[in-house]
Amino acid sequence: MKFIHTADLHIDQPFSGIDSDKTDIQTLLKTSNQDVLSEIVDRCLEEKVDFLLIVGDTFHQAQSSIHTQKAIMTQFERLEQAEIKVVLSFGNHDYYTKNRYWFEWPDNVILFKKEEVQTKTIQLKNGESVSISGFSYENQWINQSMAPFYPKRNFETTYHIGFYHGDNSKNYAPFTPSELPASYDYWALGHIHKSEILSTNPVVAYSGTPQGHTKKENQTKGVLLVEIKQGSVNHQWLDVSNIKWHKKEVSILETLDKKDLLVALEKELFTPANGFLLTVLEARLITTAENASLLLKEKEEVMMYLQDQLLRQSGNKLWLKDLGLNQSTSDKLIMGFETTLIDDLGRKYKAEDYFEKTVGDLMLQGTIAKYLSWEQEDMADLVNESSQLIKDKMIFKNEADQ
């Protein structure tokens, strides 16, 4: 038996943080979600799978558009022509409502419509059979674990698969993998967008979203191609995404002038072609206080320049979404506020009652308290010295603007 396991397509979800005016990028953002589903169907056809298993949140919106519905039905019809079934449940985003869909689901699509565990049986072309147990959301939230309601393994069929859309938080059918019947051949999970194998005996897997839509979704691997034969379960990841979110940390530890700093940044940030139509880069630069000061003065202009340069060098396939700054471990801290905040805090701590409250824990230590006493002048001196130490170790927003 062979199948593809996917979940969380969120096919009508927009991409976050990509605002390029390049026509080909705008076109990609409009078509990518449907192209990814088409690619999944292509893989099903190439691999001659028995069925495609989709574990919830095919749609991002509870009320999806007619255009989106039609696009999905068209892809499922392609599988119908090849006699490949689709087994689909509804998640917390696209929870099932009977009269929501403008088209009839193709005959090859097996739907789980109830907020209760049900078992469907599929006869395979080779004479084997498989039981598939799962449930759908009929509301946005399910506050109880559905794990106790799964039946024991059906030994009248050759295989038994369970699928479950949820996690361990209270609103999404909270469960732990240990609660799931271990006698099943495979557990297909949905809801968590990170691709992850939780267990190997039996295999319990989150396929993750096949296409990340935000910077948080940078740990996706695609869909799972699974083959079960004579009790052995083999699986491999198939990456079907067009747009890849990527985090990159770079270091420039030598203090440079403006021109050389810009050249160094371009070189360090450029990512060679990796097969994706677009890579969205979230970069973090570790550098000196002096370099950080230059960048902070004109960060918006620097970002726009680097975006244009990286797009040009990559043939419009690399988009710089963000450039964060971190100080070198041997250098000053880079702060997002002005030195006036330190001065304001200093004046506050110079007040006798506030100062004594701050050092109150020290005064409770009998062995050292007898040696501690402060005049008003002492308090002011200590606060001034502390403030200066902080200023010496940090670079502030107003300093970068000077």
Protein backbone atom coordinates (compact mmCIF):
# COMPACT_ATOMS: atom_id res chain seq x y z
CA MET A 1 0.00 0.00 0.00
CA LYS A 2 1.29 3.43 -0.94
CA PHE A 3 -0.13 6.87 -0.13
CA ILE A 4 0.80 10.52 0.34
CA HIS A 5 0.09 12.18 3.66
CA THR A 6 -0.38 15.94 3.77
CA ALA A 7 -2.26 18.49 5.86
CA ASP A 8 -2.66 22.22 6.45
CA LEU A 9 -2.54 23.36 2.83
CA HIS A 10 -4.35 26.61 3.80
CA ILE A 11 -4.86 27.05 0.11
CA ASP A 12 -6.49 30.50 0.32
CA GLN A 13 -4.01 31.99 2.82
CA PRO A 14 -1.98 35.02 1.69
CA PHE A 15 1.77 35.24 2.18
CA SER A 16 2.97 37.52 4.98
CA GLY A 17 5.73 40.13 4.65
CA ILE A 18 6.44 39.94 0.91
CA ASP A 19 5.58 43.29 -0.69
CA SER A 20 7.74 43.40 -3.81
CA ASP A 21 6.44 45.34 -6.81
CA LYS A 22 8.07 42.86 -9.23
CA THR A 23 5.39 41.47 -11.53
CA ASP A 24 6.68 37.90 -11.53
CA ILE A 25 6.81 37.84 -7.71
CA GLN A 26 3.27 39.22 -7.44
CA THR A 27 2.09 36.57 -9.90
CA LEU A 28 3.86 33.85 -7.93
CA LEU A 29 2.16 34.94 -4.70
CA LYS A 30 -1.25 34.74 -6.38
CA THR A 31 -0.78 31.32 -7.94
CA SER A 32 1.60 29.49 -5.60
CA ASN A 33 -0.95 27.86 -3.29
CA GLN A 34 -2.88 26.25 -6.13
CA ASP A 35 0.36 25.31 -7.89
CA VAL A 36 1.49 23.46 -4.75
CA LEU A 37 -1.72 21.41 -4.70
CA SER A 38 -1.20 20.66 -8.39
CA GLU A 39 2.34 19.50 -7.61
CA ILE A 40 1.03 17.20 -4.86
CA VAL A 41 -1.40 15.66 -7.34
CA ASP A 42 1.45 15.29 -9.86
CA ARG A 43 3.45 13.35 -7.26
CA CYS A 44 0.46 11.12 -6.53
CA LEU A 45 0.20 10.30 -10.23
CA GLU A 46 3.95 9.74 -10.65
CA GLU A 47 4.16 7.44 -7.63
CA LYS A 48 0.90 5.62 -8.51
CA VAL A 49 -0.33 5.90 -4.93
CA ASP A 50 -3.52 4.23 -3.71
CA PHE A 51 -4.82 7.41 -2.09
CA LEU A 52 -4.04 10.94 -0.96
CA LEU A 53 -4.64 11.58 2.75
CA ILE A 54 -5.36 15.21 3.76
CA VAL A 55 -5.61 15.75 7.53
CA GLY A 56 -7.55 19.01 7.89
CA ASP A 57 -7.27 22.70 7.01
CA THR A 58 -7.24 22.31 3.26
CA PHE A 59 -8.84 25.75 3.25
CA HIS A 60 -7.57 28.65 5.36
CA GLN A 61 -10.95 30.35 5.60
CA ALA A 62 -14.12 28.78 6.96
CA GLN A 63 -15.97 30.29 3.99
CA SER A 64 -13.72 29.74 1.00
CA SER A 65 -14.26 31.41 -2.36
CA ILE A 66 -15.98 29.74 -5.30
CA HIS A 67 -12.76 30.11 -7.30
CA THR A 68 -10.73 28.28 -4.64
CA GLN A 69 -13.32 25.52 -4.29
CA LYS A 70 -13.37 24.95 -8.04
CA ALA A 71 -9.56 24.79 -8.20
CA ILE A 72 -9.49 22.06 -5.53
CA MET A 73 -12.29 20.03 -7.14
CA THR A 74 -10.45 20.19 -10.48
CA GLN A 75 -7.29 18.72 -8.93
CA PHE A 76 -9.26 15.94 -7.21
CA GLU A 77 -10.89 15.12 -10.55
CA ARG A 78 -7.41 14.53 -11.99
CA LEU A 79 -6.91 11.85 -9.34
CA GLU A 80 -10.35 10.42 -10.03
CA GLN A 81 -9.36 9.82 -13.65
CA ALA A 82 -6.38 7.79 -12.40
CA GLU A 83 -8.59 5.86 -9.91
CA ILE A 84 -6.75 7.38 -6.94
CA LYS A 85 -8.89 8.16 -3.90
CA VAL A 86 -8.71 11.23 -1.67
CA VAL A 87 -9.41 10.83 2.05
CA LEU A 88 -10.06 14.22 3.63
CA SER A 89 -11.00 15.60 7.02
CA PHE A 90 -11.83 19.16 8.06
CA GLY A 91 -9.79 21.04 10.66
CA ASN A 92 -10.29 24.04 12.89
CA HIS A 93 -9.87 26.52 10.01
CA ASP A 94 -12.18 24.85 7.50
CA TYR A 95 -14.55 23.14 9.96
CA TYR A 96 -17.34 21.31 8.13
CA THR A 97 -20.69 22.88 7.33
CA LYS A 98 -22.96 21.02 4.91
CA ASN A 99 -24.13 23.88 2.67
CA ARG A 100 -20.79 25.68 2.36
CA TYR A 101 -19.63 24.19 -0.94
CA TRP A 102 -20.77 25.25 -4.40
CA PHE A 103 -19.69 22.04 -6.13
CA GLU A 104 -20.20 18.33 -5.68
CA TRP A 105 -17.17 16.53 -4.35
CA PRO A 106 -15.85 14.04 -6.96
CA ASP A 107 -16.80 10.41 -6.39
CA ASN A 108 -13.23 9.45 -5.47
CA VAL A 109 -13.24 11.80 -2.43
CA ILE A 110 -14.01 10.19 0.94
CA LEU A 111 -15.00 12.85 3.47
CA PHE A 112 -15.07 12.72 7.24
CA LYS A 113 -17.88 15.13 8.12
CA LYS A 114 -18.62 14.38 11.78
CA GLU A 115 -17.07 15.62 15.01
CA GLU A 116 -16.84 12.02 16.10
CA VAL A 117 -14.41 9.25 15.27
CA GLN A 118 -15.54 7.19 12.29
CA THR A 119 -13.88 4.42 10.31
CA LYS A 120 -13.96 4.13 6.51
CA THR A 121 -12.78 1.09 4.56
CA ILE A 122 -11.01 1.24 1.20
CA GLN A 123 -10.49 -1.72 -1.12
CA LEU A 124 -7.13 -1.48 -2.90
CA LYS A 125 -6.49 -2.51 -6.50
CA ASN A 126 -4.25 -5.40 -5.41
CA GLY A 127 -7.02 -6.98 -3.33
CA GLU A 128 -5.79 -5.63 0.03
CA SER A 129 -7.90 -3.36 2.18
CA VAL A 130 -7.33 -0.54 4.66
CA SER A 131 -9.37 0.88 7.53
CA ILE A 132 -8.98 4.61 8.08
CA SER A 133 -10.22 6.12 11.35
CA GLY A 134 -10.56 9.84 11.93
CA PHE A 135 -12.82 12.78 12.64
CA SER A 136 -13.52 16.30 11.45
CA TYR A 137 -14.18 19.58 13.19
CA GLU A 138 -17.74 20.90 12.96
CA ASN A 139 -16.80 23.89 15.11
CA GLN A 140 -13.75 26.08 15.39
CA TRP A 141 -12.68 24.40 18.62
CA ILE A 142 -12.75 20.91 20.10
CA ASN A 143 -12.00 21.04 23.81
CA GLN A 144 -11.67 17.33 24.54
CA SER A 145 -9.26 14.64 23.45
CA MET A 146 -10.62 12.44 20.68
CA ALA A 147 -8.00 9.73 21.29
CA PRO A 148 -10.18 7.62 23.66
CA PHE A 149 -12.80 7.21 20.92
CA TYR A 150 -10.54 5.51 18.37
CA PRO A 151 -11.43 1.85 17.89
CA LYS A 152 -9.07 -1.06 18.28
CA ARG A 153 -7.19 -2.12 15.20
CA ASN A 154 -9.45 -3.78 12.64
CA PHE A 155 -7.82 -7.11 11.82
CA GLU A 156 -10.40 -7.83 9.14
CA THR A 157 -8.57 -5.35 6.89
CA THR A 158 -4.96 -5.61 5.80
CA TYR A 159 -4.01 -2.23 7.26
CA HIS A 160 -5.36 0.32 9.73
CA ILE A 161 -4.47 4.02 9.58
CA GLY A 162 -5.47 6.72 12.02
CA PHE A 163 -5.50 10.42 11.34
CA TYR A 164 -5.85 13.22 13.84
CA HIS A 165 -5.97 17.01 13.48
CA GLY A 166 -4.92 18.55 16.79
CA ASP A 167 -2.17 19.11 19.35
CA ASN A 168 -1.75 19.26 23.13
CA SER A 169 -3.40 22.67 23.63
CA LYS A 170 -6.90 22.91 25.09
CA ASN A 171 -8.81 24.12 22.03
CA TYR A 172 -7.63 21.67 19.38
CA ALA A 173 -8.66 18.16 20.43
CA PRO A 174 -5.83 18.01 23.02
CA PHE A 175 -3.93 14.73 23.02
CA THR A 176 -0.50 13.18 23.46
CA PRO A 177 0.92 10.61 21.01
CA SER A 178 1.04 7.96 23.75
CA GLU A 179 -2.78 8.02 23.88
CA LEU A 180 -3.11 6.84 20.28
CA PRO A 181 -3.61 3.08 19.69
CA ALA A 182 -0.16 1.63 19.02
CA SER A 183 -1.55 -1.28 17.02
CA TYR A 184 -2.32 0.94 14.00
CA ASP A 185 0.07 0.81 11.05
CA TYR A 186 0.43 4.59 10.70
CA TRP A 187 -0.78 7.79 12.36
CA ALA A 188 -1.18 10.81 10.09
CA LEU A 189 -1.34 14.07 12.04
CA GLY A 190 -2.31 17.61 11.09
CA HIS A 191 -2.53 21.08 12.66
CA ILE A 192 1.14 21.61 13.59
CA HIS A 193 2.86 23.28 10.63
CA LYS A 194 6.33 21.95 11.44
CA SER A 195 7.21 18.68 9.68
CA GLU A 196 8.08 16.12 12.34
CA ILE A 197 8.19 12.38 13.01
CA LEU A 198 7.07 11.89 16.63
CA SER A 199 7.41 8.12 16.79
CA THR A 200 8.63 5.26 14.62
CA ASN A 201 6.78 2.30 16.17
CA PRO A 202 4.19 2.93 14.92
CA VAL A 203 5.09 5.90 12.74
CA VAL A 204 3.32 8.99 14.12
CA ALA A 205 3.95 12.01 11.92
CA TYR A 206 3.01 15.62 11.41
CA SER A 207 3.47 16.24 7.71
CA GLY A 208 3.48 19.98 8.40
CA THR A 209 2.22 22.53 5.94
CA PRO A 210 3.51 21.79 2.41
CA GLN A 211 3.89 25.53 1.75
CA GLY A 212 4.93 28.00 4.46
CA HIS A 213 3.10 31.33 4.43
CA THR A 214 4.90 33.20 7.22
CA LYS A 215 8.44 33.53 8.56
CA LYS A 216 7.58 31.11 11.39
CA GLU A 217 6.98 28.32 8.87
CA ASN A 218 10.62 27.69 7.95
CA GLN A 219 10.78 24.10 9.21
CA THR A 220 8.58 22.48 6.60
CA LYS A 221 9.70 19.50 4.54
CA GLY A 222 6.75 18.99 2.19
CA VAL A 223 4.52 15.91 2.08
CA LEU A 224 5.16 12.35 3.21
CA LEU A 225 5.24 9.51 0.71
CA VAL A 226 4.47 6.38 2.72
CA GLU A 227 4.69 2.73 1.68
CA ILE A 228 3.58 -0.08 3.97
CA LYS A 229 4.51 -3.59 2.97
CA GLN A 230 4.61 -6.77 5.07
CA GLY A 231 4.51 -4.81 8.31
CA SER A 232 7.36 -2.50 7.28
CA VAL A 233 6.69 1.23 6.99
CA ASN A 234 8.93 3.31 4.73
CA HIS A 235 8.51 7.03 4.32
CA GLN A 236 10.25 9.91 2.58
CA TRP A 237 9.71 13.67 2.37
CA LEU A 238 8.79 15.22 -0.97
CA ASP A 239 9.29 18.97 -1.07
CA VAL A 240 6.52 20.51 -3.18
CA SER A 241 6.81 24.17 -2.16
CA ASN A 242 7.49 27.10 -4.48
CA ILE A 243 8.38 29.63 -1.78
CA LYS A 244 10.88 28.81 0.96
CA TRP A 245 11.35 30.81 4.18
CA HIS A 246 14.96 30.86 5.28
CA LYS A 247 16.82 32.22 8.31
CA LYS A 248 20.47 33.15 7.95
CA GLU A 249 22.98 34.49 10.46
CA VAL A 250 26.04 36.33 9.14
CA SER A 251 29.02 37.95 10.86
CA ILE A 252 30.96 41.07 9.94
CA LEU A 253 33.33 41.58 12.85
CA GLU A 254 35.67 44.09 11.22
CA THR A 255 34.73 47.77 11.47
CA LEU A 256 34.23 49.08 7.92
CA ASP A 257 33.39 52.35 6.21
CA LYS A 258 29.98 52.75 4.54
CA LYS A 259 31.00 51.60 1.08
CA ASP A 260 32.85 48.49 2.23
CA LEU A 261 30.11 47.61 4.72
CA LEU A 262 27.49 47.63 1.98
CA VAL A 263 29.63 45.48 -0.30
CA ALA A 264 30.27 43.00 2.53
CA LEU A 265 26.56 42.79 3.35
CA GLU A 266 25.63 42.03 -0.26
CA LYS A 267 28.22 39.26 -0.40
CA GLU A 268 27.24 37.70 2.93
CA LEU A 269 23.47 37.83 2.36
CA PHE A 270 23.37 36.44 -1.15
CA THR A 271 22.04 32.88 -1.26
CA PRO A 272 22.73 30.84 -4.42
CA ALA A 273 19.83 29.36 -6.38
CA ASN A 274 18.32 26.43 -4.48
CA GLY A 275 15.57 25.26 -6.80
CA PHE A 276 12.74 27.30 -5.30
CA LEU A 277 10.90 30.00 -7.23
CA LEU A 278 11.40 32.40 -4.32
CA THR A 279 13.44 32.32 -1.12
CA VAL A 280 12.31 34.74 1.60
CA LEU A 281 15.33 35.63 3.71
CA GLU A 282 15.21 36.73 7.34
CA ALA A 283 18.80 37.70 8.15
CA ARG A 284 20.56 38.51 11.40
CA LEU A 285 23.86 40.34 11.35
CA ILE A 286 26.41 40.02 14.15
CA THR A 287 28.70 43.01 13.91
CA THR A 288 30.56 45.78 15.73
CA ALA A 289 28.95 48.77 17.40
CA GLU A 290 30.45 51.09 14.79
CA ASN A 291 29.00 49.10 11.88
CA ALA A 292 25.65 48.89 13.66
CA SER A 293 25.67 52.65 14.16
CA LEU A 294 26.13 53.23 10.41
CA LEU A 295 23.30 50.85 9.57
CA LEU A 296 20.88 52.18 12.18
CA LYS A 297 21.22 55.72 10.86
CA GLU A 298 19.73 54.75 7.51
CA LYS A 299 18.33 51.27 8.04
CA GLU A 300 15.28 51.70 5.82
CA GLU A 301 17.39 52.96 2.91
CA VAL A 302 19.91 50.15 3.41
CA MET A 303 17.11 47.55 3.43
CA MET A 304 15.57 48.86 0.22
CA TYR A 305 18.95 48.91 -1.52
CA LEU A 306 19.83 45.38 -0.42
CA GLN A 307 16.41 44.06 -1.45
CA ASP A 308 16.87 45.47 -4.94
CA GLN A 309 20.43 44.18 -5.26
CA LEU A 310 19.64 40.68 -4.05
CA LEU A 311 16.61 40.45 -6.32
CA ARG A 312 18.71 41.51 -9.31
CA GLN A 313 21.56 39.11 -8.52
CA SER A 314 19.17 36.18 -8.03
CA GLY A 315 16.90 36.81 -11.00
CA ASN A 316 14.02 37.85 -8.71
CA LYS A 317 14.33 34.67 -6.62
CA LEU A 318 15.65 36.11 -3.33
CA TRP A 319 13.63 38.53 -1.20
CA LEU A 320 15.23 40.08 1.91
CA LYS A 321 12.40 40.37 4.40
CA ASP A 322 14.32 41.61 7.42
CA LEU A 323 17.81 42.43 8.64
CA GLY A 324 18.25 42.23 12.41
CA LEU A 325 21.33 43.41 14.28
CA ASN A 326 23.18 41.69 17.10
CA GLN A 327 26.31 42.90 18.81
CA SER A 328 29.53 40.94 18.73
CA THR A 329 30.11 39.14 22.03
CA SER A 330 33.14 41.35 22.64
CA ASP A 331 31.35 44.53 21.64
CA LYS A 332 28.67 46.91 22.83
CA LEU A 333 25.00 45.99 23.14
CA ILE A 334 22.79 47.50 20.45
CA MET A 335 19.67 49.08 21.97
CA GLY A 336 16.48 50.33 20.37
CA PHE A 337 15.98 53.20 22.83
CA GLU A 338 17.74 56.47 23.63
CA THR A 339 20.17 57.32 26.43
CA THR A 340 17.51 59.56 27.96
CA LEU A 341 15.80 56.41 29.27
CA ILE A 342 18.89 55.58 31.35
CA ASP A 343 18.97 59.16 32.66
CA ASP A 344 15.27 59.01 33.59
CA LEU A 345 15.78 55.72 35.44
CA GLY A 346 18.81 57.19 37.22
CA ARG A 347 16.79 60.11 38.57
CA LYS A 348 14.16 57.67 39.82
CA TYR A 349 16.67 55.51 41.68
CA LYS A 350 18.33 58.52 43.31
CA ALA A 351 15.18 59.01 45.42
CA GLU A 352 15.93 57.72 48.91
CA ASP A 353 12.85 55.54 49.32
CA TYR A 354 13.29 53.91 45.92
CA PHE A 355 17.01 53.35 46.44
CA GLU A 356 16.44 51.70 49.81
CA LYS A 357 13.71 49.50 48.36
CA THR A 358 16.11 48.34 45.65
CA VAL A 359 18.90 47.44 48.08
CA GLY A 360 16.47 46.01 50.63
CA ASP A 361 17.57 42.41 50.07
CA LEU A 362 21.17 43.36 50.85
CA MET A 363 20.11 44.93 54.13
CA LEU A 364 18.54 41.62 55.19
CA GLN A 365 21.94 39.90 55.04
CA GLY A 366 23.17 40.31 58.63
CA THR A 367 26.82 39.64 57.89
CA ILE A 368 27.14 42.57 55.47
CA ALA A 369 24.27 44.88 56.44
CA LYS A 370 26.24 46.40 59.31
CA TYR A 371 28.81 47.65 56.83
CA LEU A 372 26.22 49.26 54.55
CA SER A 373 24.96 52.78 54.99
CA TRP A 374 24.42 55.55 52.43
CA GLU A 375 24.10 59.26 52.57
CA GLN A 376 22.11 61.04 49.91
CA GLU A 377 25.34 61.98 48.16
CA ASP A 378 26.49 58.34 48.19
CA MET A 379 23.25 57.26 46.59
CA ALA A 380 23.64 59.80 43.80
CA ASP A 381 27.24 58.77 43.15
CA LEU A 382 26.39 55.06 42.97
CA VAL A 383 23.51 55.65 40.57
CA ASN A 384 25.66 57.93 38.38
CA GLU A 385 28.44 55.34 38.23
CA SER A 386 25.96 52.57 37.35
CA SER A 387 24.36 54.69 34.63
CA GLN A 388 27.74 55.42 33.08
CA LEU A 389 28.70 51.73 33.10
CA ILE A 390 25.51 50.96 31.19
CA LYS A 391 26.18 53.72 28.67
CA ASP A 392 29.72 52.51 28.12
CA LYS A 393 28.50 49.02 27.22
CA MET A 394 25.69 49.99 24.85
CA ILE A 395 24.98 51.88 21.66
CA PHE A 396 21.73 53.81 21.71
CA LYS A 397 19.26 54.95 19.11
CA ASN A 398 20.06 58.66 19.48
CA GLU A 399 23.80 57.92 19.12
CA ALA A 400 23.15 56.12 15.83
CA ASP A 401 21.17 59.13 14.58
CA GLN A 402 23.98 61.62 15.28
